Amino acid sequence: MSKQTNVAIACQGGGSHTAFTAGVLEEMLRECDWEREFELVGISGASGGAFNALAAWYGLVTDGPERAGDLVTAIWDDLAANDYDDRMLNSWLTSINKLGSKGWPLPQISPYQVPGTEIGKERIRDVLETHIDFEAIPDYCRLNNPELVVGTVNVNAGVFETFVDEAVTVEAILASAAVPNVFEAVEINGHYHWDGLFSQNPPVHDLMHQPPERKPDELWIIQINPQEFEGEPTSLEAIADRRNELSGNISLNQELGFVEQINEWVEDGKLPVEEFAQTEIHRIEMGTNYHCSTKLDRDPEFIAELLDLGREQCADFLAER
């Protein structure tokens, strides 16, 4: 029997666009042979990608791939703006965000000055705690299960900070999604934390620090932000879009560059193969450009569109391997 391929999965952040990631993971969890062909050794995420990484990990360790596939989509079903009032609020916020990207002189208000801004954060908390038993996570981390990594920024120390395995609490997930101009920072261990979009998006470095037998043979990046751009962005909208995309990709590409350097050193014999392994890097890209304002859009039809797109892109990825 041939050795299973060790796989690590990294889920890029991007607000509502990460419903695409949920579609990818659902297809991946259902269609890959996780008993004979692949072994998941780690999964990471930042911002909305952290929701997906957590759901996939929790479903997998508690009840297997089918359960994990159900869980990643169930969380997005609950996060969608399903009732009338929520749909009206969602439409208003998306419109305001789009006007701002066009350069309209809208008032800039701190989330600390607006009553009720934490309602959205509490909504996320309620959805996550409905599906995830956070108190049980440490027990599952002791059973040689895949590593779970969530990325944030430590505002006070000015550094990237990841939360790994039993350190992944609901507060860590909320911190990873705490967009500074939308949500208040989340305090953990005496420090305030912001959205993982500003840090390792998604975390890769931690996934590489595995025992030799669990080093990833392949790293699958689920990438929300387009890597390439045709021409020159000249309008305020185009500039805002591309700046948003670059902010999410630059740190990712830096981390992948480090992995590629390790691959070269292993191939050249500069690093011992007993401790280091070559890791193939594969990207599953969304491949469709949406306006940056839609990263706040929780319209159920838009979420369903992104889920379907994720399933399609994952099916193409698996067919091409």
C-alpha atoms as a PDB file:
ATOM      1  CA  MET A   1       0.000   0.000   0.000  1.00  0.00           C
ATOM      2  CA  SER A   2       1.428   3.399  -0.994  1.00  0.00           C
ATOM      3  CA  LYS A   3       2.031   6.079   1.619  1.00  0.00           C
ATOM      4  CA  GLN A   4      -0.712   8.627   2.115  1.00  0.00           C
ATOM      5  CA  THR A   5       0.009  12.149   0.921  1.00  0.00           C
ATOM      6  CA  ASN A   6       0.287  14.523   3.861  1.00  0.00           C
ATOM      7  CA  VAL A   7      -1.800  17.613   3.081  1.00  0.00           C
ATOM      8  CA  ALA A   8      -1.971  20.973   4.842  1.00  0.00           C
ATOM      9  CA  ILE A   9      -4.723  23.428   3.896  1.00  0.00           C
ATOM     10  CA  ALA A  10      -4.500  27.219   4.336  1.00  0.00           C
ATOM     11  CA  CYS A  11      -7.675  29.321   4.026  1.00  0.00           C
ATOM     12  CA  GLN A  12      -7.204  32.967   3.068  1.00  0.00           C
ATOM     13  CA  GLY A  13      -9.430  35.593   4.667  1.00  0.00           C
ATOM     14  CA  GLY A  14     -11.749  37.932   2.800  1.00  0.00           C
ATOM     15  CA  GLY A  15     -15.032  38.520   4.639  1.00  0.00           C
ATOM     16  CA  SER A  16     -18.118  37.099   2.967  1.00  0.00           C
ATOM     17  CA  HIS A  17     -16.012  36.002  -0.005  1.00  0.00           C
ATOM     18  CA  THR A  18     -14.739  33.175   2.172  1.00  0.00           C
ATOM     19  CA  ALA A  19     -18.079  31.437   1.628  1.00  0.00           C
ATOM     20  CA  PHE A  20     -16.203  30.387  -1.541  1.00  0.00           C
ATOM     21  CA  THR A  21     -13.732  28.599   0.734  1.00  0.00           C
ATOM     22  CA  ALA A  22     -16.574  26.771   2.443  1.00  0.00           C
ATOM     23  CA  GLY A  23     -17.692  25.456  -0.954  1.00  0.00           C
ATOM     24  CA  VAL A  24     -14.140  24.345  -1.745  1.00  0.00           C
ATOM     25  CA  LEU A  25     -13.773  22.563   1.578  1.00  0.00           C
ATOM     26  CA  GLU A  26     -17.156  20.880   1.317  1.00  0.00           C
ATOM     27  CA  GLU A  27     -16.252  19.409  -2.085  1.00  0.00           C
ATOM     28  CA  MET A  28     -12.756  18.521  -0.942  1.00  0.00           C
ATOM     29  CA  LEU A  29     -13.914  16.785   2.221  1.00  0.00           C
ATOM     30  CA  ARG A  30     -16.539  14.760   0.374  1.00  0.00           C
ATOM     31  CA  GLU A  31     -14.574  13.817  -2.750  1.00  0.00           C
ATOM     32  CA  CYS A  32     -11.029  13.158  -1.506  1.00  0.00           C
ATOM     33  CA  ASP A  33     -10.147   9.729  -0.099  1.00  0.00           C
ATOM     34  CA  TRP A  34      -9.041  10.751   3.393  1.00  0.00           C
ATOM     35  CA  GLU A  35      -8.660   7.142   4.527  1.00  0.00           C
ATOM     36  CA  ARG A  36      -6.259   5.843   1.866  1.00  0.00           C
ATOM     37  CA  GLU A  37      -4.943   8.616  -0.386  1.00  0.00           C
ATOM     38  CA  PHE A  38      -4.639  11.753   1.758  1.00  0.00           C
ATOM     39  CA  GLU A  39      -4.004  12.621   5.382  1.00  0.00           C
ATOM     40  CA  LEU A  40      -4.805  16.105   6.641  1.00  0.00           C
ATOM     41  CA  VAL A  41      -1.942  17.152   8.917  1.00  0.00           C
ATOM     42  CA  GLY A  42      -2.931  20.778   9.443  1.00  0.00           C
ATOM     43  CA  ILE A  43      -5.390  23.496   8.505  1.00  0.00           C
ATOM     44  CA  SER A  44      -5.147  27.243   9.049  1.00  0.00           C
ATOM     45  CA  GLY A  45      -7.227  30.322   8.415  1.00  0.00           C
ATOM     46  CA  ALA A  46      -7.457  34.056   8.900  1.00  0.00           C
ATOM     47  CA  SER A  47     -10.573  36.193   9.277  1.00  0.00           C
ATOM     48  CA  GLY A  48     -13.495  34.480   7.498  1.00  0.00           C
ATOM     49  CA  GLY A  49     -11.044  31.756   6.514  1.00  0.00           C
ATOM     50  CA  ALA A  50     -10.682  30.973  10.216  1.00  0.00           C
ATOM     51  CA  PHE A  51     -14.421  30.144  10.409  1.00  0.00           C
ATOM     52  CA  ASN A  52     -13.936  27.613   7.631  1.00  0.00           C
ATOM     53  CA  ALA A  53     -10.725  26.116   8.996  1.00  0.00           C
ATOM     54  CA  LEU A  54     -12.307  25.661  12.415  1.00  0.00           C
ATOM     55  CA  ALA A  55     -15.504  24.122  11.041  1.00  0.00           C
ATOM     56  CA  ALA A  56     -13.633  21.714   8.757  1.00  0.00           C
ATOM     57  CA  TRP A  57     -11.256  20.695  11.548  1.00  0.00           C
ATOM     58  CA  TYR A  58     -13.981  20.262  14.164  1.00  0.00           C
ATOM     59  CA  GLY A  59     -16.267  18.264  11.888  1.00  0.00           C
ATOM     60  CA  LEU A  60     -13.377  16.041  10.810  1.00  0.00           C
ATOM     61  CA  VAL A  61     -12.102  15.210  14.298  1.00  0.00           C
ATOM     62  CA  THR A  62     -15.556  14.674  15.778  1.00  0.00           C
ATOM     63  CA  ASP A  63     -17.313  12.698  13.076  1.00  0.00           C
ATOM     64  CA  GLY A  64     -15.298  12.491   9.855  1.00  0.00           C
ATOM     65  CA  PRO A  65     -15.250  14.135   6.401  1.00  0.00           C
ATOM     66  CA  GLU A  66     -19.003  14.008   5.735  1.00  0.00           C
ATOM     67  CA  ARG A  67     -19.762  15.818   8.973  1.00  0.00           C
ATOM     68  CA  ALA A  68     -17.025  18.347   8.251  1.00  0.00           C
ATOM     69  CA  GLY A  69     -18.496  19.041   4.800  1.00  0.00           C
ATOM     70  CA  ASP A  70     -21.908  19.661   6.332  1.00  0.00           C
ATOM     71  CA  LEU A  71     -20.509  21.912   9.047  1.00  0.00           C
ATOM     72  CA  VAL A  72     -18.601  24.372   6.851  1.00  0.00           C
ATOM     73  CA  THR A  73     -21.734  25.152   4.854  1.00  0.00           C
ATOM     74  CA  ALA A  74     -24.072  25.127   7.871  1.00  0.00           C
ATOM     75  CA  ILE A  75     -22.117  27.953   9.476  1.00  0.00           C
ATOM     76  CA  TRP A  76     -22.485  30.097   6.347  1.00  0.00           C
ATOM     77  CA  ASP A  77     -26.193  29.290   6.124  1.00  0.00           C
ATOM     78  CA  ASP A  78     -26.543  30.740   9.620  1.00  0.00           C
ATOM     79  CA  LEU A  79     -24.310  33.764   8.970  1.00  0.00           C
ATOM     80  CA  ALA A  80     -26.298  34.776   5.880  1.00  0.00           C
ATOM     81  CA  ALA A  81     -28.803  37.630   6.199  1.00  0.00           C
ATOM     82  CA  ASN A  82     -31.919  35.495   6.202  1.00  0.00           C
ATOM     83  CA  ASP A  83     -34.628  37.559   7.904  1.00  0.00           C
ATOM     84  CA  TYR A  84     -36.104  40.806   6.567  1.00  0.00           C
ATOM     85  CA  ASP A  85     -34.464  43.222   9.020  1.00  0.00           C
ATOM     86  CA  ASP A  86     -31.054  41.632   8.571  1.00  0.00           C
ATOM     87  CA  ARG A  87     -31.385  41.751   4.787  1.00  0.00           C
ATOM     88  CA  MET A  88     -32.217  45.458   4.910  1.00  0.00           C
ATOM     89  CA  LEU A  89     -29.230  46.158   7.163  1.00  0.00           C
ATOM     90  CA  ASN A  90     -26.974  44.063   4.936  1.00  0.00           C
ATOM     91  CA  SER A  91     -28.108  45.934   1.815  1.00  0.00           C
ATOM     92  CA  TRP A  92     -27.518  49.307   3.501  1.00  0.00           C
ATOM     93  CA  LEU A  93     -24.015  48.389   4.740  1.00  0.00           C
ATOM     94  CA  THR A  94     -22.977  47.008   1.347  1.00  0.00           C
ATOM     95  CA  SER A  95     -24.221  50.149  -0.418  1.00  0.00           C
ATOM     96  CA  ILE A  96     -22.434  52.451   2.038  1.00  0.00           C
ATOM     97  CA  ASN A  97     -19.215  50.479   1.621  1.00  0.00           C
ATOM     98  CA  LYS A  98     -19.444  50.730  -2.159  1.00  0.00           C
ATOM     99  CA  LEU A  99     -20.039  54.493  -2.041  1.00  0.00           C
ATOM    100  CA  GLY A 100     -17.005  54.868   0.202  1.00  0.00           C
ATOM    101  CA  SER A 101     -14.790  53.014  -2.269  1.00  0.00           C
ATOM    102  CA  LYS A 102     -15.956  55.434  -4.990  1.00  0.00           C
ATOM    103  CA  GLY A 103     -14.668  58.362  -2.977  1.00  0.00           C
ATOM    104  CA  TRP A 104     -17.932  59.722  -1.615  1.00  0.00           C
ATOM    105  CA  PRO A 105     -17.272  61.931   1.463  1.00  0.00           C
ATOM    106  CA  LEU A 106     -18.902  59.665   4.019  1.00  0.00           C
ATOM    107  CA  PRO A 107     -18.427  60.262   7.755  1.00  0.00           C
ATOM    108  CA  GLN A 108     -15.656  58.184   9.324  1.00  0.00           C
ATOM    109  CA  ILE A 109     -16.782  56.882  12.697  1.00  0.00           C
ATOM    110  CA  SER A 110     -14.914  54.633  15.081  1.00  0.00           C
ATOM    111  CA  PRO A 111     -16.741  51.424  16.068  1.00  0.00           C
ATOM    112  CA  TYR A 112     -16.169  52.566  19.652  1.00  0.00           C
ATOM    113  CA  GLN A 113     -18.396  55.586  19.001  1.00  0.00           C
ATOM    114  CA  VAL A 114     -21.356  53.738  17.494  1.00  0.00           C
ATOM    115  CA  PRO A 115     -23.824  51.948  19.778  1.00  0.00           C
ATOM    116  CA  GLY A 116     -24.571  48.405  18.721  1.00  0.00           C
ATOM    117  CA  THR A 117     -21.443  47.663  16.656  1.00  0.00           C
ATOM    118  CA  GLU A 118     -20.750  44.639  18.836  1.00  0.00           C
ATOM    119  CA  ILE A 119     -24.091  43.071  17.880  1.00  0.00           C
ATOM    120  CA  GLY A 120     -22.488  41.699  14.715  1.00  0.00           C
ATOM    121  CA  LYS A 121     -19.668  40.168  16.700  1.00  0.00           C
ATOM    122  CA  GLU A 122     -22.117  38.568  19.106  1.00  0.00           C
ATOM    123  CA  ARG A 123     -24.043  37.175  16.147  1.00  0.00           C
ATOM    124  CA  ILE A 124     -20.856  35.467  14.937  1.00  0.00           C
ATOM    125  CA  ARG A 125     -20.189  34.171  18.460  1.00  0.00           C
ATOM    126  CA  ASP A 126     -23.693  32.694  18.700  1.00  0.00           C
ATOM    127  CA  VAL A 127     -23.400  30.964  15.323  1.00  0.00           C
ATOM    128  CA  LEU A 128     -19.988  29.481  16.132  1.00  0.00           C
ATOM    129  CA  GLU A 129     -21.014  28.298  19.602  1.00  0.00           C
ATOM    130  CA  THR A 130     -24.148  26.708  18.148  1.00  0.00           C
ATOM    131  CA  HIS A 131     -22.012  24.409  15.995  1.00  0.00           C
ATOM    132  CA  ILE A 132     -18.705  24.138  17.892  1.00  0.00           C
ATOM    133  CA  ASP A 133     -18.122  22.921  21.439  1.00  0.00           C
ATOM    134  CA  PHE A 134     -15.061  25.063  22.184  1.00  0.00           C
ATOM    135  CA  GLU A 135     -14.554  23.451  25.592  1.00  0.00           C
ATOM    136  CA  ALA A 136     -13.986  20.100  23.852  1.00  0.00           C
ATOM    137  CA  ILE A 137     -11.258  21.377  21.500  1.00  0.00           C
ATOM    138  CA  PRO A 138      -8.317  20.688  23.901  1.00  0.00           C
ATOM    139  CA  ASP A 139      -9.378  17.042  24.235  1.00  0.00           C
ATOM    140  CA  TYR A 140      -9.428  16.534  20.468  1.00  0.00           C
ATOM    141  CA  CYS A 141      -5.998  18.197  20.179  1.00  0.00           C
ATOM    142  CA  ARG A 142      -4.470  15.422  22.287  1.00  0.00           C
ATOM    143  CA  LEU A 143      -5.473  12.678  19.834  1.00  0.00           C
ATOM    144  CA  ASN A 144      -2.887  13.208  17.068  1.00  0.00           C
ATOM    145  CA  ASN A 145      -5.459  15.082  15.010  1.00  0.00           C
ATOM    146  CA  PRO A 146      -4.593  17.727  12.382  1.00  0.00           C
ATOM    147  CA  GLU A 147      -3.065  20.945  13.655  1.00  0.00           C
ATOM    148  CA  LEU A 148      -5.468  23.906  13.792  1.00  0.00           C
ATOM    149  CA  VAL A 149      -4.032  27.422  13.323  1.00  0.00           C
ATOM    150  CA  VAL A 150      -5.824  30.797  13.461  1.00  0.00           C
ATOM    151  CA  GLY A 151      -4.094  34.069  12.520  1.00  0.00           C
ATOM    152  CA  THR A 152      -4.491  37.496  14.161  1.00  0.00           C
ATOM    153  CA  VAL A 153      -2.519  40.705  14.700  1.00  0.00           C
ATOM    154  CA  ASN A 154      -1.422  41.645  18.191  1.00  0.00           C
ATOM    155  CA  VAL A 155      -2.173  45.387  18.170  1.00  0.00           C
ATOM    156  CA  ASN A 156      -0.108  46.184  21.275  1.00  0.00           C
ATOM    157  CA  ALA A 157       3.015  44.180  20.406  1.00  0.00           C
ATOM    158  CA  GLY A 158       2.810  45.038  16.716  1.00  0.00           C
ATOM    159  CA  VAL A 159       3.369  41.446  15.582  1.00  0.00           C
ATOM    160  CA  PHE A 160       1.533  38.584  13.911  1.00  0.00           C
ATOM    161  CA  GLU A 161       0.082  36.197  16.476  1.00  0.00           C
ATOM    162  CA  THR A 162      -1.303  32.755  15.793  1.00  0.00           C
ATOM    163  CA  PHE A 163      -3.450  30.630  18.060  1.00  0.00           C
ATOM    164  CA  VAL A 164      -2.784  26.922  17.700  1.00  0.00           C
ATOM    165  CA  ASP A 165      -4.824  23.859  18.708  1.00  0.00           C
ATOM    166  CA  GLU A 166      -6.123  24.190  22.288  1.00  0.00           C
ATOM    167  CA  ALA A 167      -5.458  27.957  22.195  1.00  0.00           C
ATOM    168  CA  VAL A 168      -8.202  28.297  19.548  1.00  0.00           C
ATOM    169  CA  THR A 169     -11.087  29.707  21.552  1.00  0.00           C
ATOM    170  CA  VAL A 170     -14.140  31.570  20.353  1.00  0.00           C
ATOM    171  CA  GLU A 171     -12.299  34.767  21.337  1.00  0.00           C
ATOM    172  CA  ALA A 172      -9.405  33.837  19.028  1.00  0.00           C
ATOM    173  CA  ILE A 173     -11.805  33.325  16.120  1.00  0.00           C
ATOM    174  CA  LEU A 174     -13.545  36.642  16.821  1.00  0.00           C
ATOM    175  CA  ALA A 175     -10.154  38.362  17.025  1.00  0.00           C
ATOM    176  CA  SER A 176      -9.178  36.943  13.645  1.00  0.00           C
ATOM    177  CA  ALA A 177     -12.310  38.528  12.148  1.00  0.00           C
ATOM    178  CA  ALA A 178     -12.163  41.846  14.041  1.00  0.00           C
ATOM    179  CA  VAL A 179     -11.930  44.306  11.133  1.00  0.00           C
ATOM    180  CA  PRO A 180     -10.695  47.522  12.842  1.00  0.00           C
ATOM    181  CA  ASN A 181     -13.142  49.954  11.243  1.00  0.00           C
ATOM    182  CA  VAL A 182     -16.086  47.621  11.874  1.00  0.00           C
ATOM    183  CA  PHE A 183     -15.481  45.842  15.188  1.00  0.00           C
ATOM    184  CA  GLU A 184     -13.754  46.666  18.442  1.00  0.00           C
ATOM    185  CA  ALA A 185     -10.484  44.843  19.097  1.00  0.00           C
ATOM    186  CA  VAL A 186     -10.639  41.567  21.047  1.00  0.00           C
ATOM    187  CA  GLU A 187      -8.617  41.290  24.241  1.00  0.00           C
ATOM    188  CA  ILE A 188      -6.781  37.999  24.773  1.00  0.00           C
ATOM    189  CA  ASN A 189      -4.138  37.455  27.463  1.00  0.00           C
ATOM    190  CA  GLY A 190      -3.919  41.169  28.189  1.00  0.00           C
ATOM    191  CA  HIS A 191      -3.343  42.231  24.559  1.00  0.00           C
ATOM    192  CA  TYR A 192      -5.740  43.560  21.942  1.00  0.00           C
ATOM    193  CA  HIS A 193      -6.078  41.768  18.629  1.00  0.00           C
ATOM    194  CA  TRP A 194      -7.305  42.709  15.161  1.00  0.00           C
ATOM    195  CA  ASP A 195      -8.283  40.944  11.967  1.00  0.00           C
ATOM    196  CA  GLY A 196      -5.921  38.299  10.605  1.00  0.00           C
ATOM    197  CA  LEU A 197      -6.194  39.967   7.183  1.00  0.00           C
ATOM    198  CA  PHE A 198      -3.405  42.282   8.364  1.00  0.00           C
ATOM    199  CA  SER A 199      -1.083  39.431   9.263  1.00  0.00           C
ATOM    200  CA  GLN A 200      -0.373  36.026   7.804  1.00  0.00           C
ATOM    201  CA  ASN A 201      -3.242  35.698   5.376  1.00  0.00           C
ATOM    202  CA  PRO A 202      -3.482  32.782   5.795  1.00  0.00           C
ATOM    203  CA  PRO A 203      -0.931  31.392   8.278  1.00  0.00           C
ATOM    204  CA  VAL A 204       1.476  29.009   6.533  1.00  0.00           C
ATOM    205  CA  HIS A 205       4.622  29.063   8.649  1.00  0.00           C
ATOM    206  CA  ASP A 206       3.015  27.210  11.576  1.00  0.00           C
ATOM    207  CA  LEU A 207       1.786  24.421   9.298  1.00  0.00           C
ATOM    208  CA  MET A 208       5.376  23.632   8.295  1.00  0.00           C
ATOM    209  CA  HIS A 209       6.509  23.025  11.889  1.00  0.00           C
ATOM    210  CA  GLN A 210       5.403  19.411  12.113  1.00  0.00           C
ATOM    211  CA  PRO A 211       7.260  16.265  13.187  1.00  0.00           C
ATOM    212  CA  PRO A 212       9.147  14.674  10.248  1.00  0.00           C
ATOM    213  CA  GLU A 213       6.488  12.010   9.653  1.00  0.00           C
ATOM    214  CA  ARG A 214       3.765  14.677   9.475  1.00  0.00           C
ATOM    215  CA  LYS A 215       5.523  17.248   7.300  1.00  0.00           C
ATOM    216  CA  PRO A 216       3.142  18.361   4.517  1.00  0.00           C
ATOM    217  CA  ASP A 217       3.900  16.791   1.149  1.00  0.00           C
ATOM    218  CA  GLU A 218       1.438  19.242  -0.378  1.00  0.00           C
ATOM    219  CA  LEU A 219       0.143  22.635   0.727  1.00  0.00           C
ATOM    220  CA  TRP A 220      -3.260  23.590  -0.672  1.00  0.00           C
ATOM    221  CA  ILE A 221      -3.925  27.334  -0.575  1.00  0.00           C
ATOM    222  CA  ILE A 222      -7.540  28.411  -0.940  1.00  0.00           C
ATOM    223  CA  GLN A 223      -6.976  31.920  -2.271  1.00  0.00           C
ATOM    224  CA  ILE A 224      -9.668  34.579  -2.269  1.00  0.00           C
ATOM    225  CA  ASN A 225      -7.758  37.567  -3.644  1.00  0.00           C
ATOM    226  CA  PRO A 226      -6.729  37.509  -7.329  1.00  0.00           C
ATOM    227  CA  GLN A 227      -2.992  37.149  -7.735  1.00  0.00           C
ATOM    228  CA  GLU A 228      -2.715  39.020 -11.027  1.00  0.00           C
ATOM    229  CA  PHE A 229      -4.268  42.181 -12.456  1.00  0.00           C
ATOM    230  CA  GLU A 230      -4.483  43.323 -16.070  1.00  0.00           C
ATOM    231  CA  GLY A 231      -3.501  46.912 -16.833  1.00  0.00           C
ATOM    232  CA  GLU A 232      -3.391  49.849 -14.422  1.00  0.00           C
ATOM    233  CA  PRO A 233      -6.033  50.600 -11.778  1.00  0.00           C
ATOM    234  CA  THR A 234      -6.964  54.250 -12.277  1.00  0.00           C
ATOM    235  CA  SER A 235     -10.426  54.840 -10.798  1.00  0.00           C
ATOM    236  CA  LEU A 236     -10.895  55.138  -7.042  1.00  0.00           C
ATOM    237  CA  GLU A 237     -12.888  51.909  -7.104  1.00  0.00           C
ATOM    238  CA  ALA A 238     -10.217  49.992  -9.028  1.00  0.00           C
ATOM    239  CA  ILE A 239      -7.466  51.353  -6.781  1.00  0.00           C
ATOM    240  CA  ALA A 240      -9.404  50.403  -3.631  1.00  0.00           C
ATOM    241  CA  ASP A 241     -10.092  46.931  -4.994  1.00  0.00           C
ATOM    242  CA  ARG A 242      -6.490  46.231  -5.979  1.00  0.00           C
ATOM    243  CA  ARG A 243      -5.072  47.669  -2.760  1.00  0.00           C
ATOM    244  CA  ASN A 244      -7.431  45.406  -0.819  1.00  0.00           C
ATOM    245  CA  GLU A 245      -6.324  42.388  -2.851  1.00  0.00           C
ATOM    246  CA  LEU A 246      -2.628  43.137  -2.470  1.00  0.00           C
ATOM    247  CA  SER A 247      -2.906  43.571   1.288  1.00  0.00           C
ATOM    248  CA  GLY A 248      -4.135  39.996   1.498  1.00  0.00           C
ATOM    249  CA  ASN A 249      -1.642  38.486  -0.929  1.00  0.00           C
ATOM    250  CA  ILE A 250       1.703  40.055  -0.084  1.00  0.00           C
ATOM    251  CA  SER A 251       2.158  38.326   3.282  1.00  0.00           C
ATOM    252  CA  LEU A 252       0.964  35.039   1.765  1.00  0.00           C
ATOM    253  CA  ASN A 253       3.500  35.217  -1.046  1.00  0.00           C
ATOM    254  CA  GLN A 254       6.280  36.020   1.417  1.00  0.00           C
ATOM    255  CA  GLU A 255       5.490  32.886   3.404  1.00  0.00           C
ATOM    256  CA  LEU A 256       5.231  30.762   0.266  1.00  0.00           C
ATOM    257  CA  GLY A 257       8.591  32.140  -0.853  1.00  0.00           C
ATOM    258  CA  PHE A 258      10.085  30.762   2.358  1.00  0.00           C
ATOM    259  CA  VAL A 259       8.571  27.323   1.657  1.00  0.00           C
ATOM    260  CA  GLU A 260      10.005  27.404  -1.863  1.00  0.00           C
ATOM    261  CA  GLN A 261      13.431  28.319  -0.458  1.00  0.00           C
ATOM    262  CA  ILE A 262      13.290  25.315   1.887  1.00  0.00           C
ATOM    263  CA  ASN A 263      12.363  23.133  -1.094  1.00  0.00           C
ATOM    264  CA  GLU A 264      15.465  24.329  -2.950  1.00  0.00           C
ATOM    265  CA  TRP A 265      17.751  23.753   0.028  1.00  0.00           C
ATOM    266  CA  VAL A 266      16.393  20.201   0.478  1.00  0.00           C
ATOM    267  CA  GLU A 267      16.848  19.467  -3.226  1.00  0.00           C
ATOM    268  CA  ASP A 268      20.423  20.821  -3.134  1.00  0.00           C
ATOM    269  CA  GLY A 269      21.267  18.734  -0.070  1.00  0.00           C
ATOM    270  CA  LYS A 270      21.759  21.767   2.180  1.00  0.00           C
ATOM    271  CA  LEU A 271      19.114  20.528   4.623  1.00  0.00           C
ATOM    272  CA  PRO A 272      18.768  16.961   5.968  1.00  0.00           C
ATOM    273  CA  VAL A 273      15.790  15.067   4.535  1.00  0.00           C
ATOM    274  CA  GLU A 274      15.328  13.418   7.935  1.00  0.00           C
ATOM    275  CA  GLU A 275      14.144  16.742   9.359  1.00  0.00           C
ATOM    276  CA  PHE A 276      12.964  18.699   6.302  1.00  0.00           C
ATOM    277  CA  ALA A 277      10.719  17.803   3.375  1.00  0.00           C
ATOM    278  CA  GLN A 278       9.848  19.307   0.040  1.00  0.00           C
ATOM    279  CA  THR A 279       6.309  20.625  -0.093  1.00  0.00           C
ATOM    280  CA  GLU A 280       4.395  21.083  -3.329  1.00  0.00           C
ATOM    281  CA  ILE A 281       2.338  24.284  -3.354  1.00  0.00           C
ATOM    282  CA  HIS A 282      -1.069  24.307  -5.042  1.00  0.00           C
ATOM    283  CA  ARG A 283      -3.501  27.218  -5.213  1.00  0.00           C
ATOM    284  CA  ILE A 284      -7.248  26.959  -5.564  1.00  0.00           C
ATOM    285  CA  GLU A 285      -8.198  30.457  -6.678  1.00  0.00           C
ATOM    286  CA  MET A 286     -11.652  31.977  -6.733  1.00  0.00           C
ATOM    287  CA  GLY A 287     -11.014  33.124 -10.300  1.00  0.00           C
ATOM    288  CA  THR A 288     -13.922  35.576 -10.286  1.00  0.00           C
ATOM    289  CA  ASN A 289     -13.521  39.251  -9.410  1.00  0.00           C
ATOM    290  CA  TYR A 290     -16.094  40.790  -7.105  1.00  0.00           C
ATOM    291  CA  HIS A 291     -16.127  44.383  -5.895  1.00  0.00           C
ATOM    292  CA  CYS A 292     -14.420  44.770  -2.521  1.00  0.00           C
ATOM    293  CA  SER A 293     -17.678  46.107  -1.034  1.00  0.00           C
ATOM    294  CA  THR A 294     -19.206  42.632  -1.405  1.00  0.00           C
ATOM    295  CA  LYS A 295     -16.819  41.323   1.244  1.00  0.00           C
ATOM    296  CA  LEU A 296     -19.485  42.576   3.660  1.00  0.00           C
ATOM    297  CA  ASP A 297     -22.390  41.169   1.644  1.00  0.00           C
ATOM    298  CA  ARG A 298     -24.286  38.380   3.401  1.00  0.00           C
ATOM    299  CA  ASP A 299     -27.183  38.185   0.969  1.00  0.00           C
ATOM    300  CA  PRO A 300     -28.242  34.490   0.910  1.00  0.00           C
ATOM    301  CA  GLU A 301     -28.208  34.363  -2.892  1.00  0.00           C
ATOM    302  CA  PHE A 302     -24.679  35.793  -2.991  1.00  0.00           C
ATOM    303  CA  ILE A 303     -23.495  33.328  -0.337  1.00  0.00           C
ATOM    304  CA  ALA A 304     -25.049  30.461  -2.320  1.00  0.00           C
ATOM    305  CA  GLU A 305     -23.309  31.697  -5.483  1.00  0.00           C
ATOM    306  CA  LEU A 306     -19.951  31.698  -3.716  1.00  0.00           C
ATOM    307  CA  LEU A 307     -20.517  28.225  -2.270  1.00  0.00           C
ATOM    308  CA  ASP A 308     -21.321  26.867  -5.744  1.00  0.00           C
ATOM    309  CA  LEU A 309     -18.262  28.568  -7.212  1.00  0.00           C
ATOM    310  CA  GLY A 310     -16.099  26.974  -4.531  1.00  0.00           C
ATOM    311  CA  ARG A 311     -17.455  23.521  -5.292  1.00  0.00           C
ATOM    312  CA  GLU A 312     -16.804  24.023  -9.007  1.00  0.00           C
ATOM    313  CA  GLN A 313     -13.250  25.310  -8.554  1.00  0.00           C
ATOM    314  CA  CYS A 314     -12.414  22.469  -6.180  1.00  0.00           C
ATOM    315  CA  ALA A 315     -13.813  19.879  -8.603  1.00  0.00           C
ATOM    316  CA  ASP A 316     -11.596  21.323 -11.351  1.00  0.00           C
ATOM    317  CA  PHE A 317      -8.572  21.288  -9.013  1.00  0.00           C
ATOM    318  CA  LEU A 318      -9.081  17.653  -8.064  1.00  0.00           C
ATOM    319  CA  ALA A 319      -9.657  16.630 -11.692  1.00  0.00           C
ATOM    320  CA  GLU A 320      -6.377  18.258 -12.738  1.00  0.00           C
ATOM    321  CA  ARG A 321      -4.222  16.660 -10.042  1.00  0.00           C
END
